[in-house]
N, C-alpha and C. Protein backbone atom coordinates (compact mmCIF):
# COMPACT_ATOMS: atom_id res chain seq x y z
N MET A 1 39.82 101.13 110.08
CA MET A 1 40.19 101.89 111.62
C MET A 1 40.82 103.07 111.10
N PHE A 2 41.63 103.55 110.16
CA PHE A 2 42.28 105.00 109.70
C PHE A 2 41.06 105.92 109.42
N LYS A 3 40.29 105.52 109.00
CA LYS A 3 38.92 106.15 108.35
C LYS A 3 38.17 106.55 110.31
N ALA A 4 38.22 105.85 111.20
CA ALA A 4 37.39 106.23 112.39
C ALA A 4 38.53 107.15 112.61
N ILE A 5 39.74 107.35 112.55
CA ILE A 5 40.64 107.61 113.47
C ILE A 5 40.80 109.55 112.78
N VAL A 6 40.74 109.38 111.19
CA VAL A 6 40.39 110.55 111.09
C VAL A 6 39.35 111.28 111.13
N ARG A 7 38.12 110.55 110.89
CA ARG A 7 36.89 110.96 111.29
C ARG A 7 36.92 111.35 112.93
N PHE A 8 37.40 111.30 113.32
CA PHE A 8 37.55 111.56 115.01
C PHE A 8 38.75 113.17 115.07
N SER A 9 39.32 112.75 114.06
CA SER A 9 40.36 114.10 114.48
C SER A 9 39.76 115.18 113.63
N ILE A 10 39.20 115.00 112.63
CA ILE A 10 38.07 116.22 112.21
C ILE A 10 36.90 116.65 113.13
N ARG A 11 36.32 115.64 113.60
CA ARG A 11 35.08 116.01 114.38
C ARG A 11 35.57 116.50 115.89
N LYS A 12 36.53 116.49 116.03
CA LYS A 12 37.15 116.96 117.81
C LYS A 12 38.58 117.54 117.20
N LYS A 13 38.57 118.57 116.78
CA LYS A 13 39.58 119.65 116.48
C LYS A 13 40.42 119.88 117.37
N LEU A 14 39.68 121.03 118.36
CA LEU A 14 39.78 121.34 119.63
C LEU A 14 40.51 120.20 120.75
N PHE A 15 40.19 119.19 120.67
CA PHE A 15 40.66 118.16 121.87
C PHE A 15 41.79 117.31 121.24
N VAL A 16 42.02 117.30 119.81
CA VAL A 16 42.99 117.07 119.20
C VAL A 16 44.61 117.85 119.05
N GLY A 17 43.60 119.25 118.91
CA GLY A 17 44.86 120.05 119.25
C GLY A 17 45.50 120.41 120.57
N LEU A 18 44.64 120.28 121.41
CA LEU A 18 45.28 120.64 122.77
C LEU A 18 45.77 119.43 123.21
N THR A 19 45.65 118.07 123.18
CA THR A 19 46.29 116.94 123.56
C THR A 19 47.94 117.12 122.59
N THR A 20 47.80 117.48 121.39
CA THR A 20 49.17 117.84 120.72
C THR A 20 50.20 118.96 121.62
N LEU A 21 48.95 120.29 121.53
CA LEU A 21 49.92 121.02 122.53
C LEU A 21 50.60 120.52 123.88
N PHE A 22 49.74 119.97 124.56
CA PHE A 22 50.22 119.24 125.80
C PHE A 22 51.29 118.23 125.61
N LEU A 23 51.27 117.41 124.95
CA LEU A 23 52.52 116.57 124.69
C LEU A 23 53.65 117.46 123.87
N PHE A 24 53.60 118.35 123.05
CA PHE A 24 54.61 119.18 122.54
C PHE A 24 55.62 120.01 123.72
N ILE A 25 54.47 120.93 124.84
CA ILE A 25 55.05 121.35 125.96
C ILE A 25 55.48 120.26 126.97
N GLY A 26 54.72 119.20 127.45
CA GLY A 26 55.56 117.93 128.40
C GLY A 26 56.85 117.75 128.07
N GLY A 27 57.08 117.29 126.21
CA GLY A 27 58.41 116.92 125.70
C GLY A 27 59.25 118.05 125.93
N ILE A 28 59.26 119.14 125.75
CA ILE A 28 60.10 120.10 126.09
C ILE A 28 60.70 120.35 127.63
N TYR A 29 59.47 120.08 128.46
CA TYR A 29 59.69 119.98 130.17
C TYR A 29 60.32 119.31 130.26
N ALA A 30 60.32 118.08 129.72
CA ALA A 30 61.09 116.83 130.32
C ALA A 30 62.69 116.93 129.25
N MET A 31 62.56 117.31 128.58
CA MET A 31 63.96 117.65 128.13
C MET A 31 64.99 118.36 128.69
N LEU A 32 64.30 119.60 129.16
CA LEU A 32 65.00 120.48 129.96
C LEU A 32 64.95 120.12 131.52
N THR A 33 64.19 119.29 132.07
CA THR A 33 64.21 119.07 133.29
C THR A 33 64.97 117.73 133.69
N LEU A 34 65.63 117.09 132.14
CA LEU A 34 66.55 116.04 132.36
C LEU A 34 67.76 116.02 132.93
N PRO A 35 68.03 115.00 133.86
CA PRO A 35 69.24 115.30 134.74
C PRO A 35 70.29 114.96 133.97
N ILE A 36 71.84 115.79 133.11
CA ILE A 36 72.80 115.46 133.04
C ILE A 36 73.34 114.11 133.20
N ASP A 37 73.24 113.60 134.47
CA ASP A 37 73.54 112.10 134.69
C ASP A 37 72.69 111.07 133.77
N ALA A 38 71.59 111.17 133.47
CA ALA A 38 70.57 110.68 132.76
C ALA A 38 71.47 110.39 131.56
N VAL A 39 72.32 111.10 130.49
CA VAL A 39 73.00 110.63 129.61
C VAL A 39 74.18 110.55 129.94
N PRO A 40 74.29 109.80 129.06
CA PRO A 40 76.06 109.02 129.49
C PRO A 40 77.18 109.67 129.01
N ASP A 41 78.44 109.61 129.72
CA ASP A 41 79.21 110.77 128.15
C ASP A 41 79.98 109.34 127.87
N ILE A 42 79.44 109.53 126.14
CA ILE A 42 80.06 108.47 125.48
C ILE A 42 81.26 109.00 124.58
N THR A 43 82.32 109.88 125.25
CA THR A 43 82.95 110.44 124.43
C THR A 43 84.24 109.39 124.08
N ASN A 44 84.64 109.31 122.78
CA ASN A 44 85.79 108.31 123.13
C ASN A 44 87.41 108.84 122.88
N ASN A 45 87.89 109.41 124.04
CA ASN A 45 89.17 110.26 123.72
C ASN A 45 90.19 108.95 123.28
N GLN A 46 91.08 109.71 122.18
CA GLN A 46 91.84 109.26 120.95
C GLN A 46 93.25 110.00 121.02
N VAL A 47 94.29 109.16 120.86
CA VAL A 47 95.49 109.89 120.54
C VAL A 47 95.89 109.50 119.67
N GLN A 48 96.37 109.81 118.72
CA GLN A 48 97.64 109.64 117.35
C GLN A 48 98.65 110.08 117.48
N ILE A 49 99.48 109.72 117.57
CA ILE A 49 101.47 110.04 117.17
C ILE A 49 101.69 109.34 116.29
N VAL A 50 101.91 110.42 115.07
CA VAL A 50 102.63 110.23 113.95
C VAL A 50 103.65 110.51 113.49
N THR A 51 104.74 110.22 113.09
CA THR A 51 106.34 110.28 113.52
C THR A 51 106.74 110.05 111.60
N VAL A 52 107.60 110.79 111.29
CA VAL A 52 108.00 110.74 109.55
C VAL A 52 109.62 110.32 110.01
N SER A 53 110.03 109.54 109.18
CA SER A 53 112.13 109.47 108.99
C SER A 53 112.00 108.94 107.81
N PRO A 54 111.53 109.71 106.69
CA PRO A 54 112.44 109.30 105.56
C PRO A 54 113.05 108.15 105.06
N THR A 55 114.09 107.98 105.71
CA THR A 55 115.29 107.34 105.54
C THR A 55 114.83 106.01 105.79
N LEU A 56 113.78 105.33 106.45
CA LEU A 56 113.97 104.46 107.61
C LEU A 56 113.23 103.47 106.82
N ALA A 57 113.68 101.94 106.60
CA ALA A 57 113.05 100.68 106.16
C ALA A 57 111.48 100.67 106.80
N PRO A 58 110.58 100.41 106.76
CA PRO A 58 109.64 99.52 107.93
C PRO A 58 109.92 98.64 109.08
N GLN A 59 110.69 98.00 108.93
CA GLN A 59 111.20 97.12 109.67
C GLN A 59 112.16 98.24 110.91
N GLU A 60 113.14 99.07 110.25
CA GLU A 60 113.40 100.02 110.88
C GLU A 60 112.38 100.74 111.92
N VAL A 61 111.78 101.88 111.12
CA VAL A 61 110.63 102.06 112.05
C VAL A 61 109.73 101.87 113.05
N GLU A 62 109.38 100.27 112.24
CA GLU A 62 109.00 99.31 113.68
C GLU A 62 110.07 99.37 114.77
N GLN A 63 111.36 99.07 114.53
CA GLN A 63 111.87 98.91 115.90
C GLN A 63 112.30 100.44 116.49
N LEU A 64 112.60 101.20 115.19
CA LEU A 64 113.13 102.38 116.52
C LEU A 64 112.47 103.31 116.72
N ILE A 65 111.65 103.48 116.46
CA ILE A 65 110.43 104.68 116.25
C ILE A 65 108.83 104.08 117.49
N THR A 66 108.38 102.95 116.37
CA THR A 66 107.05 102.27 116.97
C THR A 66 106.95 101.91 118.42
N MET A 67 107.97 100.86 118.41
CA MET A 67 108.33 100.12 119.48
C MET A 67 108.38 100.77 120.96
N PRO A 68 109.40 101.73 121.11
CA PRO A 68 109.67 102.82 122.02
C PRO A 68 108.16 103.33 122.54
N ILE A 69 107.19 104.06 121.18
CA ILE A 69 106.39 104.61 121.67
C ILE A 69 105.54 103.80 122.67
N GLU A 70 104.91 102.96 121.80
CA GLU A 70 103.90 101.83 122.12
C GLU A 70 104.43 101.91 123.71
N ILE A 71 105.59 101.29 123.99
CA ILE A 71 106.31 100.82 125.55
C ILE A 71 105.95 101.79 126.29
N ALA A 72 106.32 103.12 125.97
CA ALA A 72 105.84 104.56 126.85
C ALA A 72 104.39 104.68 126.98
N MET A 73 103.48 104.14 125.96
CA MET A 73 102.18 104.37 125.76
C MET A 73 101.68 103.94 126.82
N SER A 74 101.70 102.47 127.22
CA SER A 74 101.52 100.99 127.78
C SER A 74 101.74 101.14 128.97
N ASN A 75 102.43 102.65 129.20
CA ASN A 75 102.94 102.69 130.96
C ASN A 75 101.64 103.71 131.41
N ILE A 76 100.79 104.09 130.48
CA ILE A 76 99.92 105.40 130.75
C ILE A 76 98.91 104.86 131.13
N MET A 77 98.14 105.23 132.35
CA MET A 77 97.43 104.35 133.54
C MET A 77 96.08 104.57 132.31
N ASN A 78 95.39 103.57 132.53
CA ASN A 78 93.48 103.60 131.79
C ASN A 78 94.08 103.24 130.40
N VAL A 79 94.91 103.48 129.71
CA VAL A 79 95.02 103.22 128.33
C VAL A 79 94.60 101.62 128.00
N GLU A 80 93.38 101.46 127.49
CA GLU A 80 92.78 100.28 126.87
C GLU A 80 92.90 99.58 125.52
N ASP A 81 93.33 100.52 124.84
CA ASP A 81 94.11 99.70 123.22
C ASP A 81 94.90 100.17 122.81
N ILE A 82 96.10 99.86 122.14
CA ILE A 82 97.04 100.89 121.61
C ILE A 82 97.29 99.64 120.04
N ARG A 83 97.35 100.88 118.63
CA ARG A 83 97.28 100.32 117.43
C ARG A 83 97.98 101.05 117.04
N SER A 84 99.03 100.11 116.24
CA SER A 84 99.71 100.96 115.22
C SER A 84 99.96 100.49 113.62
N VAL A 85 101.06 101.33 113.37
CA VAL A 85 101.33 101.03 111.87
C VAL A 85 102.57 101.57 111.34
N SER A 86 103.29 101.01 111.06
CA SER A 86 104.69 100.60 110.34
C SER A 86 104.72 101.10 108.94
N ARG A 87 105.24 101.90 108.14
CA ARG A 87 105.81 101.91 106.75
C ARG A 87 107.13 102.77 106.66
N PHE A 88 107.14 102.18 105.17
CA PHE A 88 108.19 103.26 104.92
C PHE A 88 108.50 104.76 105.31
N GLY A 89 109.25 104.70 105.97
CA GLY A 89 109.64 106.31 106.79
C GLY A 89 108.35 107.03 107.51
N LEU A 90 107.51 106.13 108.46
CA LEU A 90 106.04 106.74 108.60
C LEU A 90 105.94 105.62 109.96
N SER A 91 105.47 106.35 111.15
CA SER A 91 104.61 105.25 112.07
C SER A 91 103.37 106.47 112.98
N VAL A 92 102.51 105.53 112.47
CA VAL A 92 101.09 105.62 113.27
C VAL A 92 100.97 104.97 114.15
N VAL A 93 100.80 105.72 115.72
CA VAL A 93 100.27 104.67 117.05
C VAL A 93 99.40 105.26 117.35
């Protein structure tokens, strides 16, 4: 089967060339005229809050820094997910 395709391509160079050119031009035309709505907005908006307090233990960081920030962030409209990490002197929400 591959031999037949190669033989046809060698014999009909003009046909293969014009078909390739037609497909290339059609692809460019389709790309340029594609409405922007056809490509969905896939941006993932994220906010990262990093706070540093070198003297606080992880439990204190969680109680004094992380939890108030999480509570404040949960009151914002359209927030889907809140994750946090509390370590010695560091809070990442």
